[in-house]
Amino acid sequence: MSAPLLEVEGLRVAFGDAEPVVRDVSFSLTPGRVLALVGESGSGKSVSAMGVLGLLPSAARVSGSARFRGTELVGAAADELRAVRGAGIGVVFQEPMNSFTPVLSIGTQIAEAVRAHPTDLDRAGISARVDELLRAAGLQDPARIRKAYPHELSGGQLQRAMIAMALAGDPVALFADEPTTALDVTVQAGILDLLRRLGREQDGEVALTTAAPKKAA
C-alpha cells in the first residue's frame, strides 16, 4: 500500500477567542484514491481543508498536525505554504464564478496559474499548455473556452475550467471544495467522473479529496 501523501491528525480551528469550530479532525490521503469529507452545511468541511493550506483569514487559529510528504504545514512559514499550494496540492473552489476574475478571459487566468510555477515555456508554449489543461478537464473546444470570459460559460464548463486551473502546477493532490453544489444532477455526475478519471490516469500520483454536503452522500 502506498504511503499517504497527506496525514492530518487532531486538526483544530478556532476564530479569535471563540470555541473551536473544528475539533480533532484526522484523515489521510493515499495516492490514486478519493477521500470525501461529508457533513451538513457549516460543519467545518471547507474550514478543515482551507486550514491545512493556510488559506483561512488571519483571525483563524489552527493547531494539530498536517504533514504533506512529511513536511508539517500547520504553523509553516508563508513561503513554505506557497510552495505547496498549486504545485503540491491544487484547489478547486466551491463557486468558480466568484473565483475567476470577470474582466479577464479564462485562458489569461489559467496562463497566470501556469506562470506562477517555474517554467521555461514561451508564450506559444503556455498557450498550448492551457489548451492541454482544458482538454484534461474534459473541455473539447479549448480554443473557444480559452478566449471566453467567465460569464460566457455554463456552470459545468466553469467548474471544469477551475479544475484545469487547479492542475496548472502539476499537483499530486487536489482539494475540491463541494465542486458540484451549484450544478444540476447530470453535470454533477460528469464532474465527479472527471475527478475519478484524473485519479486513475495520473499514474497513481494524484489523490483527490472532495467536500460534499450530507444530502449528496
N, C-alpha and C. Protein backbone atom coordinates (compact mmCIF):
# COMPACT_ATOMS: atom_id res chain seq x y z
N MET A 1 0.84 -1.20 0.00
CA MET A 1 0.00 0.00 0.00
C MET A 1 0.88 1.24 0.00
N SER A 2 0.52 2.24 -0.83
CA SER A 2 1.31 3.46 -0.91
C SER A 2 1.25 4.26 0.38
N ALA A 3 2.33 4.96 0.67
CA ALA A 3 2.36 5.83 1.85
C ALA A 3 1.46 7.03 1.59
N PRO A 4 0.77 7.55 2.61
CA PRO A 4 -0.10 8.70 2.43
C PRO A 4 0.68 9.93 1.94
N LEU A 5 0.04 10.71 1.06
CA LEU A 5 0.61 11.99 0.66
C LEU A 5 0.41 13.03 1.76
N LEU A 6 -0.75 12.97 2.39
CA LEU A 6 -1.10 13.95 3.41
C LEU A 6 -1.69 13.22 4.61
N GLU A 7 -1.18 13.53 5.78
CA GLU A 7 -1.69 12.96 7.02
C GLU A 7 -2.09 14.10 7.96
N VAL A 8 -3.37 14.16 8.28
CA VAL A 8 -3.91 15.19 9.17
C VAL A 8 -4.31 14.51 10.48
N GLU A 9 -3.83 15.06 11.58
CA GLU A 9 -4.10 14.47 12.89
C GLU A 9 -4.49 15.57 13.88
N GLY A 10 -5.64 15.39 14.51
CA GLY A 10 -6.07 16.30 15.58
C GLY A 10 -6.20 17.74 15.16
N LEU A 11 -6.65 17.99 13.94
CA LEU A 11 -6.78 19.36 13.44
C LEU A 11 -7.88 20.10 14.20
N ARG A 12 -7.54 21.30 14.68
CA ARG A 12 -8.50 22.17 15.36
C ARG A 12 -8.39 23.56 14.78
N VAL A 13 -9.55 24.18 14.58
CA VAL A 13 -9.59 25.54 14.04
C VAL A 13 -10.54 26.38 14.88
N ALA A 14 -10.09 27.54 15.30
CA ALA A 14 -10.92 28.49 16.04
C ALA A 14 -10.70 29.87 15.44
N PHE A 15 -11.66 30.75 15.64
CA PHE A 15 -11.54 32.13 15.16
C PHE A 15 -11.57 33.07 16.35
N GLY A 16 -10.50 33.84 16.50
CA GLY A 16 -10.39 34.72 17.65
C GLY A 16 -10.38 33.93 18.94
N ASP A 17 -11.14 34.42 19.92
CA ASP A 17 -11.18 33.76 21.22
C ASP A 17 -12.37 32.81 21.36
N ALA A 18 -13.08 32.59 20.26
CA ALA A 18 -14.26 31.72 20.33
C ALA A 18 -13.85 30.25 20.44
N GLU A 19 -14.84 29.43 20.77
CA GLU A 19 -14.61 27.99 20.83
C GLU A 19 -14.27 27.46 19.44
N PRO A 20 -13.50 26.39 19.35
CA PRO A 20 -13.14 25.84 18.04
C PRO A 20 -14.37 25.46 17.21
N VAL A 21 -14.30 25.75 15.92
CA VAL A 21 -15.37 25.34 15.02
C VAL A 21 -15.04 23.99 14.39
N VAL A 22 -13.78 23.60 14.47
CA VAL A 22 -13.33 22.27 14.02
C VAL A 22 -12.54 21.65 15.16
N ARG A 23 -12.89 20.43 15.54
CA ARG A 23 -12.22 19.78 16.67
C ARG A 23 -11.71 18.39 16.26
N ASP A 24 -10.43 18.18 16.43
CA ASP A 24 -9.83 16.84 16.34
C ASP A 24 -10.19 16.10 15.05
N VAL A 25 -10.01 16.77 13.93
CA VAL A 25 -10.24 16.13 12.63
C VAL A 25 -8.97 15.40 12.20
N SER A 26 -9.11 14.15 11.81
CA SER A 26 -7.97 13.35 11.36
C SER A 26 -8.34 12.58 10.10
N PHE A 27 -7.46 12.59 9.12
CA PHE A 27 -7.65 11.79 7.91
C PHE A 27 -6.32 11.70 7.18
N SER A 28 -6.25 10.79 6.20
CA SER A 28 -5.05 10.69 5.38
C SER A 28 -5.45 10.51 3.93
N LEU A 29 -4.64 11.07 3.03
CA LEU A 29 -4.86 10.96 1.59
C LEU A 29 -3.84 9.99 1.00
N THR A 30 -4.33 8.99 0.30
CA THR A 30 -3.47 7.99 -0.31
C THR A 30 -3.47 8.18 -1.82
N PRO A 31 -2.33 8.10 -2.48
CA PRO A 31 -2.26 8.31 -3.94
C PRO A 31 -3.26 7.46 -4.71
N GLY A 32 -3.92 8.11 -5.68
CA GLY A 32 -4.85 7.40 -6.54
C GLY A 32 -6.22 7.18 -5.96
N ARG A 33 -6.48 7.67 -4.74
CA ARG A 33 -7.76 7.44 -4.07
C ARG A 33 -8.51 8.74 -3.89
N VAL A 34 -9.83 8.62 -3.74
CA VAL A 34 -10.70 9.77 -3.45
C VAL A 34 -11.17 9.66 -2.00
N LEU A 35 -10.96 10.72 -1.24
CA LEU A 35 -11.45 10.79 0.14
C LEU A 35 -12.50 11.89 0.21
N ALA A 36 -13.67 11.58 0.75
CA ALA A 36 -14.74 12.57 0.88
C ALA A 36 -14.93 12.97 2.34
N LEU A 37 -14.89 14.27 2.61
CA LEU A 37 -15.28 14.81 3.91
C LEU A 37 -16.76 15.14 3.79
N VAL A 38 -17.59 14.44 4.54
CA VAL A 38 -19.03 14.54 4.37
C VAL A 38 -19.66 15.13 5.62
N GLY A 39 -20.55 16.11 5.44
CA GLY A 39 -21.23 16.70 6.58
C GLY A 39 -22.18 17.78 6.14
N GLU A 40 -23.03 18.22 7.05
CA GLU A 40 -24.01 19.25 6.74
C GLU A 40 -23.33 20.60 6.54
N SER A 41 -24.05 21.53 5.94
CA SER A 41 -23.54 22.88 5.74
C SER A 41 -23.15 23.50 7.08
N GLY A 42 -21.96 24.06 7.15
CA GLY A 42 -21.49 24.68 8.39
C GLY A 42 -20.80 23.74 9.34
N SER A 43 -20.60 22.49 8.93
CA SER A 43 -19.99 21.52 9.85
C SER A 43 -18.46 21.59 9.86
N GLY A 44 -17.86 22.40 8.99
CA GLY A 44 -16.41 22.59 9.05
C GLY A 44 -15.62 21.91 7.96
N LYS A 45 -16.28 21.44 6.91
CA LYS A 45 -15.57 20.75 5.83
C LYS A 45 -14.58 21.68 5.13
N SER A 46 -15.09 22.81 4.67
CA SER A 46 -14.23 23.76 3.96
C SER A 46 -13.17 24.35 4.89
N VAL A 47 -13.56 24.65 6.11
CA VAL A 47 -12.62 25.22 7.08
C VAL A 47 -11.47 24.25 7.32
N SER A 48 -11.77 22.97 7.41
CA SER A 48 -10.72 21.97 7.62
C SER A 48 -9.75 21.96 6.45
N ALA A 49 -10.28 21.92 5.23
CA ALA A 49 -9.43 21.85 4.04
C ALA A 49 -8.60 23.12 3.88
N MET A 50 -9.23 24.28 4.04
CA MET A 50 -8.51 25.54 3.87
C MET A 50 -7.52 25.78 5.02
N GLY A 51 -7.85 25.25 6.19
CA GLY A 51 -6.93 25.38 7.32
C GLY A 51 -5.62 24.63 7.09
N VAL A 52 -5.70 23.48 6.44
CA VAL A 52 -4.50 22.71 6.13
C VAL A 52 -3.55 23.52 5.24
N LEU A 53 -4.12 24.29 4.30
CA LEU A 53 -3.30 25.03 3.34
C LEU A 53 -3.01 26.46 3.75
N GLY A 54 -3.44 26.85 4.94
CA GLY A 54 -3.19 28.21 5.39
C GLY A 54 -3.95 29.26 4.62
N LEU A 55 -5.16 28.92 4.17
CA LEU A 55 -5.96 29.84 3.36
C LEU A 55 -7.09 30.50 4.14
N LEU A 56 -7.07 30.36 5.45
CA LEU A 56 -8.10 30.99 6.28
C LEU A 56 -7.69 32.43 6.65
N PRO A 57 -8.65 33.27 7.07
CA PRO A 57 -8.32 34.63 7.50
C PRO A 57 -7.32 34.64 8.65
N SER A 58 -6.70 35.79 8.84
CA SER A 58 -5.65 35.90 9.87
C SER A 58 -6.18 35.66 11.28
N ALA A 59 -7.50 35.84 11.48
CA ALA A 59 -8.08 35.61 12.81
C ALA A 59 -8.17 34.13 13.16
N ALA A 60 -7.97 33.26 12.18
CA ALA A 60 -8.08 31.82 12.43
C ALA A 60 -6.89 31.30 13.22
N ARG A 61 -7.15 30.43 14.19
CA ARG A 61 -6.10 29.76 14.95
C ARG A 61 -6.16 28.27 14.62
N VAL A 62 -5.13 27.77 13.94
CA VAL A 62 -5.10 26.38 13.50
C VAL A 62 -4.05 25.63 14.31
N SER A 63 -4.44 24.49 14.86
CA SER A 63 -3.49 23.67 15.62
C SER A 63 -3.67 22.21 15.22
N GLY A 64 -2.83 21.36 15.75
CA GLY A 64 -2.81 19.97 15.34
C GLY A 64 -1.69 19.75 14.35
N SER A 65 -1.83 18.77 13.49
CA SER A 65 -0.76 18.44 12.54
C SER A 65 -1.34 18.13 11.17
N ALA A 66 -0.65 18.61 10.13
CA ALA A 66 -0.98 18.27 8.74
C ALA A 66 0.34 18.12 8.01
N ARG A 67 0.76 16.89 7.79
CA ARG A 67 2.06 16.61 7.17
C ARG A 67 1.87 16.21 5.71
N PHE A 68 2.42 17.03 4.82
CA PHE A 68 2.37 16.76 3.39
C PHE A 68 3.74 16.25 2.95
N ARG A 69 3.78 14.98 2.57
CA ARG A 69 5.04 14.33 2.23
C ARG A 69 6.09 14.52 3.33
N GLY A 70 5.60 14.45 4.56
CA GLY A 70 6.49 14.55 5.71
C GLY A 70 6.76 15.95 6.19
N THR A 71 6.33 16.98 5.45
CA THR A 71 6.55 18.37 5.84
C THR A 71 5.33 18.90 6.58
N GLU A 72 5.55 19.46 7.77
CA GLU A 72 4.46 19.98 8.58
C GLU A 72 3.95 21.30 7.98
N LEU A 73 2.63 21.36 7.73
CA LEU A 73 2.03 22.57 7.17
C LEU A 73 1.45 23.49 8.24
N VAL A 74 0.97 22.93 9.33
CA VAL A 74 0.40 23.78 10.39
C VAL A 74 1.54 24.56 11.04
N GLY A 75 1.43 25.88 10.97
CA GLY A 75 2.46 26.74 11.53
C GLY A 75 3.63 27.00 10.58
N ALA A 76 3.56 26.47 9.35
CA ALA A 76 4.65 26.67 8.40
C ALA A 76 4.70 28.12 7.94
N ALA A 77 5.87 28.57 7.51
CA ALA A 77 6.05 29.93 7.01
C ALA A 77 5.27 30.12 5.71
N ALA A 78 4.97 31.39 5.41
CA ALA A 78 4.15 31.70 4.24
C ALA A 78 4.79 31.19 2.95
N ASP A 79 6.11 31.32 2.81
CA ASP A 79 6.75 30.88 1.58
C ASP A 79 6.72 29.36 1.45
N GLU A 80 6.78 28.64 2.58
CA GLU A 80 6.67 27.18 2.53
C GLU A 80 5.28 26.76 2.07
N LEU A 81 4.26 27.44 2.57
CA LEU A 81 2.89 27.12 2.17
C LEU A 81 2.66 27.46 0.70
N ARG A 82 3.21 28.58 0.22
CA ARG A 82 3.06 28.93 -1.19
C ARG A 82 3.69 27.88 -2.09
N ALA A 83 4.78 27.28 -1.64
CA ALA A 83 5.45 26.24 -2.44
C ALA A 83 4.58 24.99 -2.56
N VAL A 84 3.75 24.73 -1.56
CA VAL A 84 2.87 23.56 -1.57
C VAL A 84 1.61 23.81 -2.38
N ARG A 85 1.05 25.01 -2.25
CA ARG A 85 -0.19 25.33 -2.96
C ARG A 85 0.07 25.33 -4.47
N GLY A 86 -0.76 24.65 -5.18
CA GLY A 86 -0.65 24.63 -6.63
C GLY A 86 0.27 23.54 -7.13
N ALA A 87 1.54 23.58 -6.74
CA ALA A 87 2.50 22.59 -7.21
C ALA A 87 2.40 21.28 -6.42
N GLY A 88 1.99 21.36 -5.16
CA GLY A 88 1.83 20.15 -4.35
C GLY A 88 0.37 19.77 -4.24
N ILE A 89 -0.45 20.72 -3.82
CA ILE A 89 -1.89 20.50 -3.66
C ILE A 89 -2.63 21.59 -4.44
N GLY A 90 -3.42 21.17 -5.42
CA GLY A 90 -4.25 22.11 -6.15
C GLY A 90 -5.60 22.24 -5.47
N VAL A 91 -6.27 23.37 -5.69
CA VAL A 91 -7.56 23.62 -5.03
C VAL A 91 -8.62 23.95 -6.08
N VAL A 92 -9.75 23.26 -5.99
CA VAL A 92 -10.92 23.56 -6.81
C VAL A 92 -11.95 24.18 -5.88
N PHE A 93 -12.16 25.48 -6.01
CA PHE A 93 -13.03 26.18 -5.09
C PHE A 93 -14.50 25.95 -5.41
N GLN A 94 -15.35 26.23 -4.42
CA GLN A 94 -16.76 25.88 -4.49
C GLN A 94 -17.53 26.68 -5.54
N GLU A 95 -17.27 27.95 -5.67
CA GLU A 95 -18.02 28.80 -6.59
C GLU A 95 -17.07 29.37 -7.64
N PRO A 96 -16.93 28.72 -8.80
CA PRO A 96 -15.99 29.20 -9.80
C PRO A 96 -16.31 30.60 -10.32
N MET A 97 -17.58 30.98 -10.36
CA MET A 97 -17.91 32.32 -10.84
C MET A 97 -17.33 33.39 -9.93
N ASN A 98 -17.22 33.08 -8.63
CA ASN A 98 -16.64 34.03 -7.68
C ASN A 98 -15.11 33.92 -7.65
N SER A 99 -14.56 32.83 -8.16
CA SER A 99 -13.12 32.62 -8.09
C SER A 99 -12.39 33.16 -9.32
N PHE A 100 -13.08 33.19 -10.46
CA PHE A 100 -12.49 33.76 -11.67
C PHE A 100 -12.71 35.28 -11.70
N THR A 101 -11.74 36.02 -12.22
CA THR A 101 -11.88 37.46 -12.41
C THR A 101 -12.77 37.70 -13.62
N PRO A 102 -13.85 38.47 -13.48
CA PRO A 102 -14.81 38.60 -14.59
C PRO A 102 -14.28 39.36 -15.81
N VAL A 103 -13.25 40.19 -15.65
CA VAL A 103 -12.79 41.03 -16.76
C VAL A 103 -11.62 40.42 -17.53
N LEU A 104 -11.19 39.22 -17.15
CA LEU A 104 -10.10 38.54 -17.86
C LEU A 104 -10.62 37.24 -18.46
N SER A 105 -10.11 36.87 -19.63
CA SER A 105 -10.53 35.63 -20.26
C SER A 105 -10.07 34.43 -19.44
N ILE A 106 -10.74 33.31 -19.66
CA ILE A 106 -10.40 32.08 -18.96
C ILE A 106 -8.95 31.70 -19.27
N GLY A 107 -8.55 31.82 -20.54
CA GLY A 107 -7.19 31.46 -20.93
C GLY A 107 -6.14 32.30 -20.25
N THR A 108 -6.40 33.61 -20.13
CA THR A 108 -5.45 34.50 -19.46
C THR A 108 -5.26 34.10 -18.01
N GLN A 109 -6.34 33.73 -17.34
CA GLN A 109 -6.25 33.39 -15.92
C GLN A 109 -5.57 32.04 -15.69
N ILE A 110 -5.83 31.08 -16.57
CA ILE A 110 -5.14 29.79 -16.43
C ILE A 110 -3.66 29.97 -16.78
N ALA A 111 -3.36 30.82 -17.76
CA ALA A 111 -1.96 31.08 -18.11
C ALA A 111 -1.21 31.69 -16.93
N GLU A 112 -1.87 32.57 -16.17
CA GLU A 112 -1.25 33.15 -14.98
C GLU A 112 -0.92 32.05 -13.96
N ALA A 113 -1.81 31.07 -13.85
CA ALA A 113 -1.56 29.96 -12.92
C ALA A 113 -0.36 29.13 -13.40
N VAL A 114 -0.22 28.96 -14.71
CA VAL A 114 0.94 28.24 -15.25
C VAL A 114 2.22 29.00 -14.93
N ARG A 115 2.20 30.32 -15.12
CA ARG A 115 3.40 31.15 -14.90
C ARG A 115 3.76 31.26 -13.42
N ALA A 116 2.80 30.96 -12.54
CA ALA A 116 3.06 31.08 -11.11
C ALA A 116 4.04 30.03 -10.62
N HIS A 117 4.32 29.03 -11.45
CA HIS A 117 5.26 27.97 -11.09
C HIS A 117 6.42 27.98 -12.09
N PRO A 118 7.60 27.54 -11.70
CA PRO A 118 8.75 27.57 -12.59
C PRO A 118 8.45 26.90 -13.93
N THR A 119 8.74 27.60 -15.01
CA THR A 119 8.50 27.06 -16.34
C THR A 119 9.44 27.71 -17.35
N ASP A 120 9.84 26.97 -18.35
CA ASP A 120 10.65 27.53 -19.42
C ASP A 120 9.85 27.69 -20.70
N LEU A 121 8.52 27.62 -20.58
CA LEU A 121 7.65 27.76 -21.74
C LEU A 121 7.60 29.21 -22.21
N ASP A 122 7.62 29.41 -23.53
CA ASP A 122 7.41 30.74 -24.07
C ASP A 122 5.91 30.99 -24.22
N ARG A 123 5.54 32.11 -24.82
CA ARG A 123 4.12 32.47 -24.90
C ARG A 123 3.31 31.41 -25.64
N ALA A 124 3.85 30.91 -26.76
CA ALA A 124 3.14 29.88 -27.52
C ALA A 124 3.05 28.59 -26.72
N GLY A 125 4.11 28.27 -26.00
CA GLY A 125 4.11 27.06 -25.18
C GLY A 125 3.09 27.14 -24.06
N ILE A 126 2.96 28.32 -23.45
CA ILE A 126 1.97 28.49 -22.38
C ILE A 126 0.56 28.36 -22.94
N SER A 127 0.33 28.93 -24.13
CA SER A 127 -0.98 28.81 -24.75
C SER A 127 -1.32 27.35 -25.03
N ALA A 128 -0.34 26.59 -25.52
CA ALA A 128 -0.55 25.17 -25.77
C ALA A 128 -0.80 24.42 -24.47
N ARG A 129 -0.11 24.82 -23.41
CA ARG A 129 -0.30 24.19 -22.10
C ARG A 129 -1.71 24.46 -21.58
N VAL A 130 -2.22 25.67 -21.78
CA VAL A 130 -3.58 25.99 -21.36
C VAL A 130 -4.58 25.09 -22.07
N ASP A 131 -4.40 24.93 -23.39
CA ASP A 131 -5.30 24.05 -24.15
C ASP A 131 -5.21 22.61 -23.63
N GLU A 132 -4.01 22.17 -23.32
CA GLU A 132 -3.82 20.81 -22.79
C GLU A 132 -4.57 20.64 -21.47
N LEU A 133 -4.50 21.63 -20.60
CA LEU A 133 -5.18 21.56 -19.31
C LEU A 133 -6.69 21.55 -19.49
N LEU A 134 -7.20 22.37 -20.41
CA LEU A 134 -8.64 22.41 -20.65
C LEU A 134 -9.13 21.07 -21.19
N ARG A 135 -8.36 20.45 -22.08
CA ARG A 135 -8.75 19.13 -22.58
C ARG A 135 -8.73 18.10 -21.46
N ALA A 136 -7.72 18.17 -20.60
CA ALA A 136 -7.63 17.23 -19.49
C ALA A 136 -8.83 17.35 -18.56
N ALA A 137 -9.41 18.56 -18.50
CA ALA A 137 -10.58 18.79 -17.66
C ALA A 137 -11.88 18.47 -18.38
N GLY A 138 -11.77 17.90 -19.58
CA GLY A 138 -12.96 17.46 -20.29
C GLY A 138 -13.61 18.49 -21.18
N LEU A 139 -12.91 19.59 -21.51
CA LEU A 139 -13.44 20.62 -22.40
C LEU A 139 -12.87 20.38 -23.80
N GLN A 140 -13.73 20.03 -24.74
CA GLN A 140 -13.28 19.58 -26.05
C GLN A 140 -13.06 20.70 -27.06
N ASP A 141 -13.37 21.94 -26.70
CA ASP A 141 -13.16 23.08 -27.60
C ASP A 141 -12.28 24.11 -26.88
N PRO A 142 -11.03 23.75 -26.59
CA PRO A 142 -10.20 24.62 -25.75
C PRO A 142 -9.94 26.00 -26.35
N ALA A 143 -9.85 26.11 -27.68
CA ALA A 143 -9.60 27.41 -28.30
C ALA A 143 -10.72 28.39 -27.98
N ARG A 144 -11.97 27.92 -28.02
CA ARG A 144 -13.11 28.79 -27.70
C ARG A 144 -13.16 29.09 -26.21
N ILE A 145 -12.97 28.06 -25.40
CA ILE A 145 -13.04 28.25 -23.95
C ILE A 145 -11.94 29.22 -23.49
N ARG A 146 -10.76 29.08 -24.07
CA ARG A 146 -9.62 29.93 -23.69
C ARG A 146 -9.93 31.41 -23.92
N LYS A 147 -10.66 31.74 -24.97
CA LYS A 147 -10.95 33.13 -25.31
C LYS A 147 -12.18 33.67 -24.59
N ALA A 148 -12.96 32.76 -23.99
CA ALA A 148 -14.22 33.16 -23.36
C ALA A 148 -13.98 33.83 -22.01
N TYR A 149 -14.95 34.66 -21.60
CA TYR A 149 -14.95 35.26 -20.27
C TYR A 149 -15.86 34.42 -19.37
N PRO A 150 -15.66 34.48 -18.07
CA PRO A 150 -16.43 33.60 -17.17
C PRO A 150 -17.94 33.63 -17.40
N HIS A 151 -18.53 34.81 -17.65
CA HIS A 151 -19.98 34.88 -17.80
C HIS A 151 -20.48 34.23 -19.09
N GLU A 152 -19.56 33.90 -20.00
CA GLU A 152 -19.95 33.29 -21.27
C GLU A 152 -19.98 31.76 -21.20
N LEU A 153 -19.63 31.19 -20.07
CA LEU A 153 -19.60 29.74 -19.92
C LEU A 153 -20.71 29.26 -19.00
N SER A 154 -21.12 28.02 -19.19
CA SER A 154 -22.11 27.42 -18.30
C SER A 154 -21.45 27.06 -16.97
N GLY A 155 -22.27 26.70 -15.99
CA GLY A 155 -21.72 26.32 -14.69
C GLY A 155 -20.79 25.13 -14.77
N GLY A 156 -21.18 24.13 -15.57
CA GLY A 156 -20.33 22.95 -15.71
C GLY A 156 -19.02 23.25 -16.41
N GLN A 157 -19.07 24.11 -17.45
CA GLN A 157 -17.85 24.50 -18.15
C GLN A 157 -16.92 25.29 -17.22
N LEU A 158 -17.50 26.17 -16.42
CA LEU A 158 -16.69 26.96 -15.48
C LEU A 158 -16.02 26.06 -14.45
N GLN A 159 -16.77 25.07 -13.96
CA GLN A 159 -16.17 24.19 -12.96
C GLN A 159 -15.04 23.37 -13.57
N ARG A 160 -15.20 22.94 -14.81
CA ARG A 160 -14.12 22.23 -15.48
C ARG A 160 -12.92 23.14 -15.72
N ALA A 161 -13.17 24.41 -16.06
CA ALA A 161 -12.08 25.37 -16.23
C ALA A 161 -11.35 25.59 -14.90
N MET A 162 -12.10 25.58 -13.80
CA MET A 162 -11.47 25.71 -12.48
C MET A 162 -10.59 24.50 -12.18
N ILE A 163 -11.04 23.31 -12.57
CA ILE A 163 -10.22 22.12 -12.40
C ILE A 163 -8.96 22.22 -13.24
N ALA A 164 -9.10 22.73 -14.49
CA ALA A 164 -7.93 22.93 -15.35
C ALA A 164 -6.92 23.85 -14.68
N MET A 165 -7.40 24.93 -14.06
CA MET A 165 -6.51 25.86 -13.37
C MET A 165 -5.83 25.18 -12.18
N ALA A 166 -6.58 24.35 -11.47
CA ALA A 166 -6.01 23.65 -10.31
C ALA A 166 -4.91 22.68 -10.74
N LEU A 167 -4.96 22.21 -11.98
CA LEU A 167 -3.96 21.27 -12.48
C LEU A 167 -2.73 21.97 -13.06
N ALA A 168 -2.75 23.31 -13.12
CA ALA A 168 -1.70 24.05 -13.81
C ALA A 168 -0.31 23.83 -13.22
N GLY A 169 -0.23 23.60 -11.93
CA GLY A 169 1.07 23.39 -11.29
C GLY A 169 1.47 21.94 -11.17
N ASP A 170 0.77 21.05 -11.89
CA ASP A 170 1.03 19.61 -11.82
C ASP A 170 1.01 19.11 -10.37
N PRO A 171 -0.07 19.37 -9.64
CA PRO A 171 -0.12 18.94 -8.23
C PRO A 171 -0.23 17.43 -8.12
N VAL A 172 0.13 16.92 -6.95
CA VAL A 172 -0.02 15.49 -6.68
C VAL A 172 -1.29 15.21 -5.88
N ALA A 173 -2.00 16.26 -5.47
CA ALA A 173 -3.26 16.10 -4.76
C ALA A 173 -4.16 17.28 -5.09
N LEU A 174 -5.46 17.04 -5.04
CA LEU A 174 -6.46 18.09 -5.26
C LEU A 174 -7.39 18.17 -4.08
N PHE A 175 -7.68 19.39 -3.64
CA PHE A 175 -8.76 19.64 -2.69
C PHE A 175 -9.91 20.22 -3.51
N ALA A 176 -11.03 19.53 -3.58
CA ALA A 176 -12.20 20.02 -4.31
C ALA A 176 -13.28 20.35 -3.30
N ASP A 177 -13.57 21.63 -3.13
CA ASP A 177 -14.49 22.10 -2.09
C ASP A 177 -15.92 22.13 -2.63
N GLU A 178 -16.68 21.08 -2.35
CA GLU A 178 -18.06 20.95 -2.83
C GLU A 178 -18.14 21.33 -4.31
N PRO A 179 -17.45 20.60 -5.18
CA PRO A 179 -17.33 21.02 -6.58
C PRO A 179 -18.59 20.88 -7.41
N THR A 180 -19.65 20.28 -6.85
CA THR A 180 -20.87 20.07 -7.64
C THR A 180 -22.09 20.77 -7.06
N THR A 181 -21.91 21.59 -6.03
CA THR A 181 -23.05 22.16 -5.30
C THR A 181 -24.01 22.93 -6.20
N ALA A 182 -23.48 23.79 -7.09
CA ALA A 182 -24.33 24.68 -7.87
C ALA A 182 -24.72 24.10 -9.23
N LEU A 183 -24.47 22.80 -9.45
CA LEU A 183 -24.69 22.20 -10.76
C LEU A 183 -25.89 21.26 -10.75
N ASP A 184 -26.50 21.06 -11.94
CA ASP A 184 -27.61 20.11 -11.99
C ASP A 184 -27.08 18.68 -11.92
N VAL A 185 -27.99 17.74 -11.75
CA VAL A 185 -27.59 16.36 -11.44
C VAL A 185 -26.72 15.76 -12.54
N THR A 186 -27.07 15.99 -13.79
CA THR A 186 -26.30 15.41 -14.90
C THR A 186 -24.89 15.96 -14.92
N VAL A 187 -24.75 17.27 -14.75
CA VAL A 187 -23.42 17.89 -14.76
C VAL A 187 -22.63 17.47 -13.53
N GLN A 188 -23.31 17.33 -12.39
CA GLN A 188 -22.64 16.84 -11.17
C GLN A 188 -21.96 15.50 -11.44
N ALA A 189 -22.69 14.59 -12.07
CA ALA A 189 -22.14 13.25 -12.35
C ALA A 189 -20.92 13.35 -13.24
N GLY A 190 -20.95 14.27 -14.23
CA GLY A 190 -19.81 14.44 -15.12
C GLY A 190 -18.58 14.95 -14.40
N ILE A 191 -18.77 15.89 -13.47
CA ILE A 191 -17.63 16.43 -12.73
C ILE A 191 -17.03 15.37 -11.81
N LEU A 192 -17.87 14.60 -11.15
CA LEU A 192 -17.37 13.55 -10.26
C LEU A 192 -16.65 12.46 -11.06
N ASP A 193 -17.18 12.13 -12.23
CA ASP A 193 -16.50 11.15 -13.10
C ASP A 193 -15.13 11.68 -13.52
N LEU A 194 -15.06 12.99 -13.80
CA LEU A 194 -13.78 13.60 -14.19
C LEU A 194 -12.76 13.49 -13.06
N LEU A 195 -13.17 13.78 -11.84
CA LEU A 195 -12.25 13.69 -10.71
C LEU A 195 -11.75 12.26 -10.52
N ARG A 196 -12.66 11.29 -10.66
CA ARG A 196 -12.24 9.88 -10.54
C ARG A 196 -11.27 9.52 -11.66
N ARG A 197 -11.55 9.98 -12.88
CA ARG A 197 -10.68 9.66 -14.02
C ARG A 197 -9.30 10.26 -13.84
N LEU A 198 -9.24 11.49 -13.36
CA LEU A 198 -7.94 12.12 -13.13
C LEU A 198 -7.12 11.31 -12.13
N GLY A 199 -7.80 10.81 -11.10
CA GLY A 199 -7.09 9.99 -10.12
C GLY A 199 -6.54 8.72 -10.71
N ARG A 200 -7.28 8.13 -11.66
CA ARG A 200 -6.81 6.88 -12.28
C ARG A 200 -5.72 7.12 -13.31
N GLU A 201 -5.82 8.21 -14.07
CA GLU A 201 -4.95 8.41 -15.22
C GLU A 201 -3.60 9.03 -14.90
N GLN A 202 -3.43 9.57 -13.70
CA GLN A 202 -2.18 10.23 -13.37
C GLN A 202 -1.18 9.27 -12.75
N ASP A 203 -1.16 8.05 -13.24
CA ASP A 203 -0.19 7.04 -12.80
C ASP A 203 -0.20 6.83 -11.29
N GLY A 204 -1.38 6.98 -10.69
CA GLY A 204 -1.49 6.76 -9.26
C GLY A 204 -0.85 7.85 -8.42
N GLU A 205 -0.48 8.96 -9.06
CA GLU A 205 0.22 10.01 -8.35
C GLU A 205 -0.72 11.00 -7.66
N VAL A 206 -1.97 11.06 -8.10
CA VAL A 206 -2.86 12.11 -7.62
C VAL A 206 -3.89 11.57 -6.65
N ALA A 207 -3.96 12.14 -5.47
CA ALA A 207 -5.02 11.83 -4.52
C ALA A 207 -5.99 12.99 -4.53
N LEU A 208 -7.28 12.70 -4.55
CA LEU A 208 -8.29 13.75 -4.65
C LEU A 208 -9.15 13.74 -3.39
N THR A 209 -9.46 14.90 -2.87
CA THR A 209 -10.36 14.97 -1.72
C THR A 209 -11.50 15.91 -2.05
N THR A 210 -12.71 15.48 -1.84
CA THR A 210 -13.87 16.32 -2.10
C THR A 210 -14.64 16.53 -0.81
N ALA A 211 -15.20 17.72 -0.64
CA ALA A 211 -16.07 18.01 0.49
C ALA A 211 -17.48 18.08 -0.04
N ALA A 212 -18.37 17.23 0.46
CA ALA A 212 -19.73 17.16 -0.09
C ALA A 212 -20.75 17.29 1.02
N PRO A 213 -21.89 17.98 0.74
CA PRO A 213 -22.93 18.05 1.76
C PRO A 213 -23.54 16.69 2.00
N LYS A 214 -24.07 16.51 3.18
CA LYS A 214 -24.56 15.18 3.61
C LYS A 214 -25.63 14.66 2.69
N LYS A 215 -26.51 15.54 2.18
CA LYS A 215 -27.61 15.09 1.34
C LYS A 215 -27.12 14.53 0.02
N ALA A 216 -25.88 14.86 -0.38
CA ALA A 216 -25.36 14.37 -1.64
C ALA A 216 -24.56 13.09 -1.47
N ALA A 217 -24.36 12.62 -0.25
CA ALA A 217 -23.53 11.44 0.01
C ALA A 217 -24.22 10.18 -0.49
